[in-house]
Amino acid sequence: MHPAEILARELKPGRGWDQWLADEFRQPYMQQLAEFLAAEEAAGKVLFPERRHCFNALNSTPLDRVKVVIIGQDPYHGPGQAHGLCFSVRPGVAVPPSLVNIFKEIRDDLGIEPPDHGCLQPWAEQGVLLINAVLTVQQGNAGAHQGKGWEHFTDKVIETINEHRQGVVFLLWGSYARKKGRIIDRSRHLVLEGPHPSPLSAYRGFFGCKHFSKANQWLEQHGQEPIDWSLPSMQELLERYAKRSAG
């Protein structure tokens, strides 16, 4: 079995994505990407997130439920951080600086106090697609998998949302995400742009952007349920997923 076929198995059926993305795994760029990832693993390099989590964003947010899209760049490269959702980390892992600033803006915008963890899985399950442009990285080597083919694949994800969904809110933070969002039809969707929440740029306009309340206002105006940007406590979150695993 070709590495691309093995990789394709990580994209779960029944979420609506496979209908539009299955052909991508037969494209030369994806076959080359899959061969590269397999060779990296065979050479003993540690990749994040684990292969079974690389499509977590798509598997967690079915196409027909996408309401908001947040575009990141590439996964965190420290042990135990990345789990396939941009800006998010596993429960119990220190909240990264950019996510700290996202929580600060939500507090200032909506009055929601920051949680005691950085796991954004509950957002994904409400319809917030948390997609990185590049879906894997080598441990300790930020950006190591840029230019290997993931960008083509995630462009196709954005094209699919642009064409087959209506009234989606795209939150594009930083120049990288803004470039990625050039293909979005602004007559069909709401595009909110701002600086990246990194400590290097958050004070240039990310703080005070009010993107979270603006997104909810747009959704309500278009007859959709707003996103609950609050997150359960880490204990509640772990109990919730423990029950699911047991069930």
C-alpha atoms as a PDB file:
ATOM      1  CA  MET A   1       0.000   0.000   0.000  1.00  0.00           C
ATOM      2  CA  HIS A   2       1.352   3.430  -0.959  1.00  0.00           C
ATOM      3  CA  PRO A   3       2.094   5.818   1.937  1.00  0.00           C
ATOM      4  CA  ALA A   4      -0.541   8.220   0.558  1.00  0.00           C
ATOM      5  CA  GLU A   5      -3.216   5.519   0.877  1.00  0.00           C
ATOM      6  CA  ILE A   6      -2.148   4.885   4.466  1.00  0.00           C
ATOM      7  CA  LEU A   7      -2.284   8.625   5.181  1.00  0.00           C
ATOM      8  CA  ALA A   8      -5.750   8.878   3.600  1.00  0.00           C
ATOM      9  CA  ARG A   9      -7.076   6.371   6.143  1.00  0.00           C
ATOM     10  CA  GLU A  10      -6.553   8.963   8.892  1.00  0.00           C
ATOM     11  CA  LEU A  11      -9.268  11.137   7.316  1.00  0.00           C
ATOM     12  CA  LYS A  12     -12.415   9.669   8.822  1.00  0.00           C
ATOM     13  CA  PRO A  13     -15.378   8.991   6.515  1.00  0.00           C
ATOM     14  CA  GLY A  14     -18.798  10.469   7.150  1.00  0.00           C
ATOM     15  CA  ARG A  15     -17.587  14.002   7.911  1.00  0.00           C
ATOM     16  CA  GLY A  16     -18.175  15.287   4.386  1.00  0.00           C
ATOM     17  CA  TRP A  17     -14.526  16.013   3.700  1.00  0.00           C
ATOM     18  CA  ASP A  18     -13.638  12.738   1.992  1.00  0.00           C
ATOM     19  CA  GLN A  19     -16.166  13.456  -0.770  1.00  0.00           C
ATOM     20  CA  TRP A  20     -14.146  16.490  -1.889  1.00  0.00           C
ATOM     21  CA  LEU A  21     -10.634  15.618  -0.705  1.00  0.00           C
ATOM     22  CA  ALA A  22     -10.259  11.933  -1.648  1.00  0.00           C
ATOM     23  CA  ASP A  23      -8.778  12.798  -5.048  1.00  0.00           C
ATOM     24  CA  GLU A  24      -6.048  14.840  -3.376  1.00  0.00           C
ATOM     25  CA  PHE A  25      -4.445  11.668  -2.033  1.00  0.00           C
ATOM     26  CA  ARG A  26      -3.961  10.465  -5.615  1.00  0.00           C
ATOM     27  CA  GLN A  27      -2.199  13.654  -6.703  1.00  0.00           C
ATOM     28  CA  PRO A  28       1.588  13.553  -7.200  1.00  0.00           C
ATOM     29  CA  TYR A  29       2.194  16.242  -4.560  1.00  0.00           C
ATOM     30  CA  MET A  30       0.382  14.238  -1.888  1.00  0.00           C
ATOM     31  CA  GLN A  31       2.150  11.024  -2.837  1.00  0.00           C
ATOM     32  CA  GLN A  32       5.480  12.831  -2.521  1.00  0.00           C
ATOM     33  CA  LEU A  33       4.416  14.311   0.834  1.00  0.00           C
ATOM     34  CA  ALA A  34       3.358  10.907   2.171  1.00  0.00           C
ATOM     35  CA  GLU A  35       6.645   9.364   1.020  1.00  0.00           C
ATOM     36  CA  PHE A  36       8.551  12.188   2.749  1.00  0.00           C
ATOM     37  CA  LEU A  37       6.675  11.636   6.029  1.00  0.00           C
ATOM     38  CA  ALA A  38       7.227   7.867   5.859  1.00  0.00           C
ATOM     39  CA  ALA A  39      10.946   8.389   5.214  1.00  0.00           C
ATOM     40  CA  GLU A  40      11.230  10.820   8.134  1.00  0.00           C
ATOM     41  CA  GLU A  41       9.624   8.286  10.468  1.00  0.00           C
ATOM     42  CA  ALA A  42      11.783   5.464   9.104  1.00  0.00           C
ATOM     43  CA  ALA A  43      14.859   7.595   9.844  1.00  0.00           C
ATOM     44  CA  GLY A  44      13.789   7.810  13.477  1.00  0.00           C
ATOM     45  CA  LYS A  45      12.603  11.408  13.419  1.00  0.00           C
ATOM     46  CA  VAL A  46       9.734  12.260  15.750  1.00  0.00           C
ATOM     47  CA  LEU A  47       6.823  14.006  14.048  1.00  0.00           C
ATOM     48  CA  PHE A  48       4.055  16.024  15.666  1.00  0.00           C
ATOM     49  CA  PRO A  49       1.194  15.534  15.940  1.00  0.00           C
ATOM     50  CA  GLU A  50       1.046  11.742  15.830  1.00  0.00           C
ATOM     51  CA  ARG A  51      -0.090  10.528  12.427  1.00  0.00           C
ATOM     52  CA  ARG A  52      -3.531   9.537  13.786  1.00  0.00           C
ATOM     53  CA  HIS A  53      -4.094  13.152  14.856  1.00  0.00           C
ATOM     54  CA  CYS A  54      -2.826  15.000  11.781  1.00  0.00           C
ATOM     55  CA  PHE A  55      -6.380  15.404  10.407  1.00  0.00           C
ATOM     56  CA  ASN A  56      -7.940  16.082  13.816  1.00  0.00           C
ATOM     57  CA  ALA A  57      -9.281  19.467  12.661  1.00  0.00           C
ATOM     58  CA  LEU A  58     -11.216  17.880   9.782  1.00  0.00           C
ATOM     59  CA  ASN A  59     -12.287  14.835  11.782  1.00  0.00           C
ATOM     60  CA  SER A  60     -13.562  17.010  14.655  1.00  0.00           C
ATOM     61  CA  THR A  61     -15.519  19.505  12.527  1.00  0.00           C
ATOM     62  CA  PRO A  62     -17.664  18.008   9.741  1.00  0.00           C
ATOM     63  CA  LEU A  63     -17.905  20.119   6.597  1.00  0.00           C
ATOM     64  CA  ASP A  64     -21.631  20.764   6.984  1.00  0.00           C
ATOM     65  CA  ARG A  65     -21.078  22.098  10.518  1.00  0.00           C
ATOM     66  CA  VAL A  66     -18.284  24.567   9.767  1.00  0.00           C
ATOM     67  CA  LYS A  67     -19.261  28.020  11.025  1.00  0.00           C
ATOM     68  CA  VAL A  68     -15.899  29.628  11.798  1.00  0.00           C
ATOM     69  CA  VAL A  69     -12.434  28.937  10.378  1.00  0.00           C
ATOM     70  CA  ILE A  70      -9.224  29.891  12.192  1.00  0.00           C
ATOM     71  CA  ILE A  71      -6.065  29.372  10.141  1.00  0.00           C
ATOM     72  CA  GLY A  72      -2.732  28.697  11.825  1.00  0.00           C
ATOM     73  CA  GLN A  73       0.691  28.138  10.295  1.00  0.00           C
ATOM     74  CA  ASP A  74       2.163  24.833  11.493  1.00  0.00           C
ATOM     75  CA  PRO A  75       1.913  22.637  14.603  1.00  0.00           C
ATOM     76  CA  TYR A  76       3.691  23.204  17.893  1.00  0.00           C
ATOM     77  CA  HIS A  77       6.992  21.310  17.843  1.00  0.00           C
ATOM     78  CA  GLY A  78       7.418  20.528  21.552  1.00  0.00           C
ATOM     79  CA  PRO A  79       6.622  17.112  23.064  1.00  0.00           C
ATOM     80  CA  GLY A  80       2.973  16.597  24.001  1.00  0.00           C
ATOM     81  CA  GLN A  81       1.722  19.909  22.611  1.00  0.00           C
ATOM     82  CA  ALA A  82       0.248  19.409  19.145  1.00  0.00           C
ATOM     83  CA  HIS A  83      -2.904  17.356  18.665  1.00  0.00           C
ATOM     84  CA  GLY A  84      -4.082  18.511  15.257  1.00  0.00           C
ATOM     85  CA  LEU A  85      -5.946  21.739  16.103  1.00  0.00           C
ATOM     86  CA  CYS A  86      -4.237  25.070  15.469  1.00  0.00           C
ATOM     87  CA  PHE A  87      -3.319  27.100  18.565  1.00  0.00           C
ATOM     88  CA  SER A  88      -4.621  24.259  20.787  1.00  0.00           C
ATOM     89  CA  VAL A  89      -2.640  22.033  23.157  1.00  0.00           C
ATOM     90  CA  ARG A  90      -3.545  18.901  25.053  1.00  0.00           C
ATOM     91  CA  PRO A  91      -5.026  19.298  28.557  1.00  0.00           C
ATOM     92  CA  GLY A  92      -2.309  19.653  31.169  1.00  0.00           C
ATOM     93  CA  VAL A  93       0.223  21.204  28.780  1.00  0.00           C
ATOM     94  CA  ALA A  94       1.281  24.806  29.465  1.00  0.00           C
ATOM     95  CA  VAL A  95      -0.810  27.288  27.471  1.00  0.00           C
ATOM     96  CA  PRO A  96       1.415  28.788  24.719  1.00  0.00           C
ATOM     97  CA  PRO A  97       1.854  32.589  24.561  1.00  0.00           C
ATOM     98  CA  SER A  98      -0.299  33.137  21.449  1.00  0.00           C
ATOM     99  CA  LEU A  99      -3.176  31.209  22.998  1.00  0.00           C
ATOM    100  CA  VAL A 100      -2.782  33.178  26.239  1.00  0.00           C
ATOM    101  CA  ASN A 101      -3.343  36.305  24.150  1.00  0.00           C
ATOM    102  CA  ILE A 102      -6.357  34.771  22.390  1.00  0.00           C
ATOM    103  CA  PHE A 103      -7.895  34.087  25.801  1.00  0.00           C
ATOM    104  CA  LYS A 104      -7.107  37.668  26.892  1.00  0.00           C
ATOM    105  CA  GLU A 105      -8.930  39.066  23.862  1.00  0.00           C
ATOM    106  CA  ILE A 106     -11.934  36.803  24.512  1.00  0.00           C
ATOM    107  CA  ARG A 107     -12.022  38.065  28.101  1.00  0.00           C
ATOM    108  CA  ASP A 108     -11.881  41.703  27.002  1.00  0.00           C
ATOM    109  CA  ASP A 109     -14.367  41.130  24.162  1.00  0.00           C
ATOM    110  CA  LEU A 110     -16.924  38.867  25.844  1.00  0.00           C
ATOM    111  CA  GLY A 111     -16.090  38.901  29.557  1.00  0.00           C
ATOM    112  CA  ILE A 112     -15.169  35.208  29.543  1.00  0.00           C
ATOM    113  CA  GLU A 113     -12.397  34.319  31.980  1.00  0.00           C
ATOM    114  CA  PRO A 114      -9.482  32.255  30.596  1.00  0.00           C
ATOM    115  CA  PRO A 115      -9.662  28.504  31.310  1.00  0.00           C
ATOM    116  CA  ASP A 116      -7.047  26.503  33.211  1.00  0.00           C
ATOM    117  CA  HIS A 117      -5.909  24.674  30.062  1.00  0.00           C
ATOM    118  CA  GLY A 118      -5.384  25.255  26.353  1.00  0.00           C
ATOM    119  CA  CYS A 119      -7.433  22.480  24.730  1.00  0.00           C
ATOM    120  CA  LEU A 120      -9.779  23.947  22.106  1.00  0.00           C
ATOM    121  CA  GLN A 121     -11.522  20.676  21.204  1.00  0.00           C
ATOM    122  CA  PRO A 122     -14.918  22.013  22.444  1.00  0.00           C
ATOM    123  CA  TRP A 123     -14.680  24.843  19.909  1.00  0.00           C
ATOM    124  CA  ALA A 124     -13.978  22.348  17.120  1.00  0.00           C
ATOM    125  CA  GLU A 125     -17.043  20.332  18.090  1.00  0.00           C
ATOM    126  CA  GLN A 126     -19.220  23.455  17.815  1.00  0.00           C
ATOM    127  CA  GLY A 127     -18.132  24.189  14.259  1.00  0.00           C
ATOM    128  CA  VAL A 128     -14.844  26.081  14.616  1.00  0.00           C
ATOM    129  CA  LEU A 129     -12.394  24.576  12.126  1.00  0.00           C
ATOM    130  CA  LEU A 130      -8.945  25.009  13.676  1.00  0.00           C
ATOM    131  CA  ILE A 131      -6.728  24.248  10.706  1.00  0.00           C
ATOM    132  CA  ASN A 132      -3.003  24.754  10.286  1.00  0.00           C
ATOM    133  CA  ALA A 133      -1.656  25.396   6.791  1.00  0.00           C
ATOM    134  CA  VAL A 134       0.950  22.681   7.436  1.00  0.00           C
ATOM    135  CA  LEU A 135      -0.315  19.650   9.335  1.00  0.00           C
ATOM    136  CA  THR A 136       2.911  18.079  10.631  1.00  0.00           C
ATOM    137  CA  VAL A 137       6.272  19.196  12.000  1.00  0.00           C
ATOM    138  CA  GLN A 138       9.520  17.595  13.165  1.00  0.00           C
ATOM    139  CA  GLN A 139      10.159  17.664  16.911  1.00  0.00           C
ATOM    140  CA  GLY A 140      12.167  20.727  17.879  1.00  0.00           C
ATOM    141  CA  ASN A 141      12.349  22.038  14.306  1.00  0.00           C
ATOM    142  CA  ALA A 142       9.669  24.661  13.681  1.00  0.00           C
ATOM    143  CA  GLY A 143       8.541  24.890  10.066  1.00  0.00           C
ATOM    144  CA  ALA A 144      10.465  21.769   9.038  1.00  0.00           C
ATOM    145  CA  HIS A 145       7.582  20.503   6.879  1.00  0.00           C
ATOM    146  CA  GLN A 146       6.739  23.754   5.138  1.00  0.00           C
ATOM    147  CA  GLY A 147       6.924  23.533   1.362  1.00  0.00           C
ATOM    148  CA  LYS A 148       6.469  19.748   1.345  1.00  0.00           C
ATOM    149  CA  GLY A 149       2.893  19.729   0.025  1.00  0.00           C
ATOM    150  CA  TRP A 150       0.610  20.328   2.987  1.00  0.00           C
ATOM    151  CA  GLU A 151      -0.070  23.879   1.812  1.00  0.00           C
ATOM    152  CA  HIS A 152      -1.655  22.552  -1.397  1.00  0.00           C
ATOM    153  CA  PHE A 153      -3.869  20.214   0.593  1.00  0.00           C
ATOM    154  CA  THR A 154      -5.064  22.868   3.040  1.00  0.00           C
ATOM    155  CA  ASP A 155      -5.696  25.289   0.154  1.00  0.00           C
ATOM    156  CA  LYS A 156      -8.067  22.613  -1.151  1.00  0.00           C
ATOM    157  CA  VAL A 157      -9.745  22.487   2.281  1.00  0.00           C
ATOM    158  CA  ILE A 158     -10.348  26.242   2.150  1.00  0.00           C
ATOM    159  CA  GLU A 159     -11.571  26.025  -1.457  1.00  0.00           C
ATOM    160  CA  THR A 160     -14.014  23.301  -0.403  1.00  0.00           C
ATOM    161  CA  ILE A 161     -15.459  25.451   2.389  1.00  0.00           C
ATOM    162  CA  ASN A 162     -15.567  28.490   0.120  1.00  0.00           C
ATOM    163  CA  GLU A 163     -17.529  26.639  -2.562  1.00  0.00           C
ATOM    164  CA  HIS A 164     -19.767  24.317  -0.562  1.00  0.00           C
ATOM    165  CA  ARG A 165     -20.624  26.360   2.527  1.00  0.00           C
ATOM    166  CA  GLN A 166     -22.344  29.720   2.890  1.00  0.00           C
ATOM    167  CA  GLY A 167     -21.905  32.423   5.533  1.00  0.00           C
ATOM    168  CA  VAL A 168     -18.749  31.093   7.195  1.00  0.00           C
ATOM    169  CA  VAL A 169     -16.609  33.444   9.306  1.00  0.00           C
ATOM    170  CA  PHE A 170     -12.874  33.304   8.543  1.00  0.00           C
ATOM    171  CA  LEU A 171     -10.523  34.676  11.207  1.00  0.00           C
ATOM    172  CA  LEU A 172      -7.206  35.470   9.536  1.00  0.00           C
ATOM    173  CA  TRP A 173      -4.499  36.545  11.966  1.00  0.00           C
ATOM    174  CA  GLY A 174      -1.130  37.579  10.586  1.00  0.00           C
ATOM    175  CA  SER A 175       0.210  37.902   7.046  1.00  0.00           C
ATOM    176  CA  TYR A 176       0.538  34.145   6.529  1.00  0.00           C
ATOM    177  CA  ALA A 177      -3.150  33.499   7.234  1.00  0.00           C
ATOM    178  CA  ARG A 178      -4.225  36.531   5.196  1.00  0.00           C
ATOM    179  CA  LYS A 179      -2.358  35.220   2.143  1.00  0.00           C
ATOM    180  CA  LYS A 180      -3.924  31.811   2.683  1.00  0.00           C
ATOM    181  CA  GLY A 181      -7.355  33.461   2.679  1.00  0.00           C
ATOM    182  CA  ARG A 182      -7.043  35.270  -0.636  1.00  0.00           C
ATOM    183  CA  ILE A 183      -9.207  32.692  -2.388  1.00  0.00           C
ATOM    184  CA  ILE A 184     -12.197  33.276  -0.081  1.00  0.00           C
ATOM    185  CA  ASP A 185     -15.259  34.797  -1.763  1.00  0.00           C
ATOM    186  CA  ARG A 186     -16.056  37.762   0.461  1.00  0.00           C
ATOM    187  CA  SER A 187     -19.535  38.088  -1.027  1.00  0.00           C
ATOM    188  CA  ARG A 188     -20.422  34.667   0.455  1.00  0.00           C
ATOM    189  CA  HIS A 189     -18.442  34.721   3.691  1.00  0.00           C
ATOM    190  CA  LEU A 190     -17.257  37.126   6.398  1.00  0.00           C
ATOM    191  CA  VAL A 191     -13.490  37.612   6.525  1.00  0.00           C
ATOM    192  CA  LEU A 192     -12.029  39.261   9.635  1.00  0.00           C
ATOM    193  CA  GLU A 193      -8.326  40.099   9.452  1.00  0.00           C
ATOM    194  CA  GLY A 194      -5.893  41.254  12.115  1.00  0.00           C
ATOM    195  CA  PRO A 195      -2.364  40.888  13.481  1.00  0.00           C
ATOM    196  CA  HIS A 196      -1.190  37.541  14.810  1.00  0.00           C
ATOM    197  CA  PRO A 197      -1.844  36.959  18.550  1.00  0.00           C
ATOM    198  CA  SER A 198       1.863  36.302  19.131  1.00  0.00           C
ATOM    199  CA  PRO A 199       3.417  38.474  21.873  1.00  0.00           C
ATOM    200  CA  LEU A 200       5.471  40.055  19.063  1.00  0.00           C
ATOM    201  CA  SER A 201       2.404  41.473  17.308  1.00  0.00           C
ATOM    202  CA  ALA A 202      -0.699  41.226  19.528  1.00  0.00           C
ATOM    203  CA  TYR A 203      -0.407  44.865  20.624  1.00  0.00           C
ATOM    204  CA  ARG A 204      -0.492  46.032  16.996  1.00  0.00           C
ATOM    205  CA  GLY A 205      -4.218  45.451  16.755  1.00  0.00           C
ATOM    206  CA  PHE A 206      -5.051  41.889  17.745  1.00  0.00           C
ATOM    207  CA  PHE A 207      -5.991  43.136  21.186  1.00  0.00           C
ATOM    208  CA  GLY A 208      -9.226  45.033  20.722  1.00  0.00           C
ATOM    209  CA  CYS A 209     -10.159  43.397  17.400  1.00  0.00           C
ATOM    210  CA  LYS A 210     -13.353  41.929  18.915  1.00  0.00           C
ATOM    211  CA  HIS A 211     -13.360  39.141  16.330  1.00  0.00           C
ATOM    212  CA  PHE A 212     -15.148  36.721  18.647  1.00  0.00           C
ATOM    213  CA  SER A 213     -18.193  38.919  19.247  1.00  0.00           C
ATOM    214  CA  LYS A 214     -18.214  39.978  15.580  1.00  0.00           C
ATOM    215  CA  ALA A 215     -18.215  36.331  14.500  1.00  0.00           C
ATOM    216  CA  ASN A 216     -21.162  35.536  16.763  1.00  0.00           C
ATOM    217  CA  GLN A 217     -23.073  38.604  15.621  1.00  0.00           C
ATOM    218  CA  TRP A 218     -22.647  37.510  12.000  1.00  0.00           C
ATOM    219  CA  LEU A 219     -23.741  33.942  12.764  1.00  0.00           C
ATOM    220  CA  GLU A 220     -26.876  35.124  14.572  1.00  0.00           C
ATOM    221  CA  GLN A 221     -27.713  37.509  11.733  1.00  0.00           C
ATOM    222  CA  HIS A 222     -27.537  34.538   9.371  1.00  0.00           C
ATOM    223  CA  GLY A 223     -29.769  32.297  11.466  1.00  0.00           C
ATOM    224  CA  GLN A 224     -27.046  30.195  13.078  1.00  0.00           C
ATOM    225  CA  GLU A 225     -26.279  29.416  16.700  1.00  0.00           C
ATOM    226  CA  PRO A 226     -23.374  31.515  18.000  1.00  0.00           C
ATOM    227  CA  ILE A 227     -20.189  29.875  19.254  1.00  0.00           C
ATOM    228  CA  ASP A 228     -19.794  29.453  23.003  1.00  0.00           C
ATOM    229  CA  TRP A 229     -16.212  30.675  23.303  1.00  0.00           C
ATOM    230  CA  SER A 230     -16.014  29.684  26.966  1.00  0.00           C
ATOM    231  CA  LEU A 231     -14.282  26.400  27.736  1.00  0.00           C
ATOM    232  CA  PRO A 232     -14.977  23.892  30.507  1.00  0.00           C
ATOM    233  CA  SER A 233     -12.410  23.470  33.267  1.00  0.00           C
ATOM    234  CA  MET A 234      -9.692  20.906  32.674  1.00  0.00           C
ATOM    235  CA  GLN A 235     -11.351  18.528  35.134  1.00  0.00           C
ATOM    236  CA  GLU A 236     -14.713  18.851  33.367  1.00  0.00           C
ATOM    237  CA  LEU A 237     -13.040  18.375  30.005  1.00  0.00           C
ATOM    238  CA  LEU A 238     -11.190  15.235  31.076  1.00  0.00           C
ATOM    239  CA  GLU A 239     -14.341  13.792  32.660  1.00  0.00           C
ATOM    240  CA  ARG A 240     -16.311  14.504  29.492  1.00  0.00           C
ATOM    241  CA  TYR A 241     -13.848  12.672  27.258  1.00  0.00           C
ATOM    242  CA  ALA A 242     -13.429   9.834  29.749  1.00  0.00           C
ATOM    243  CA  LYS A 243     -17.190   9.216  29.555  1.00  0.00           C
ATOM    244  CA  ARG A 244     -17.042   9.202  25.758  1.00  0.00           C
ATOM    245  CA  SER A 245     -14.193   6.705  25.770  1.00  0.00           C
ATOM    246  CA  ALA A 246     -16.067   4.491  28.210  1.00  0.00           C
ATOM    247  CA  GLY A 247     -19.236   4.742  26.156  1.00  0.00           C
END
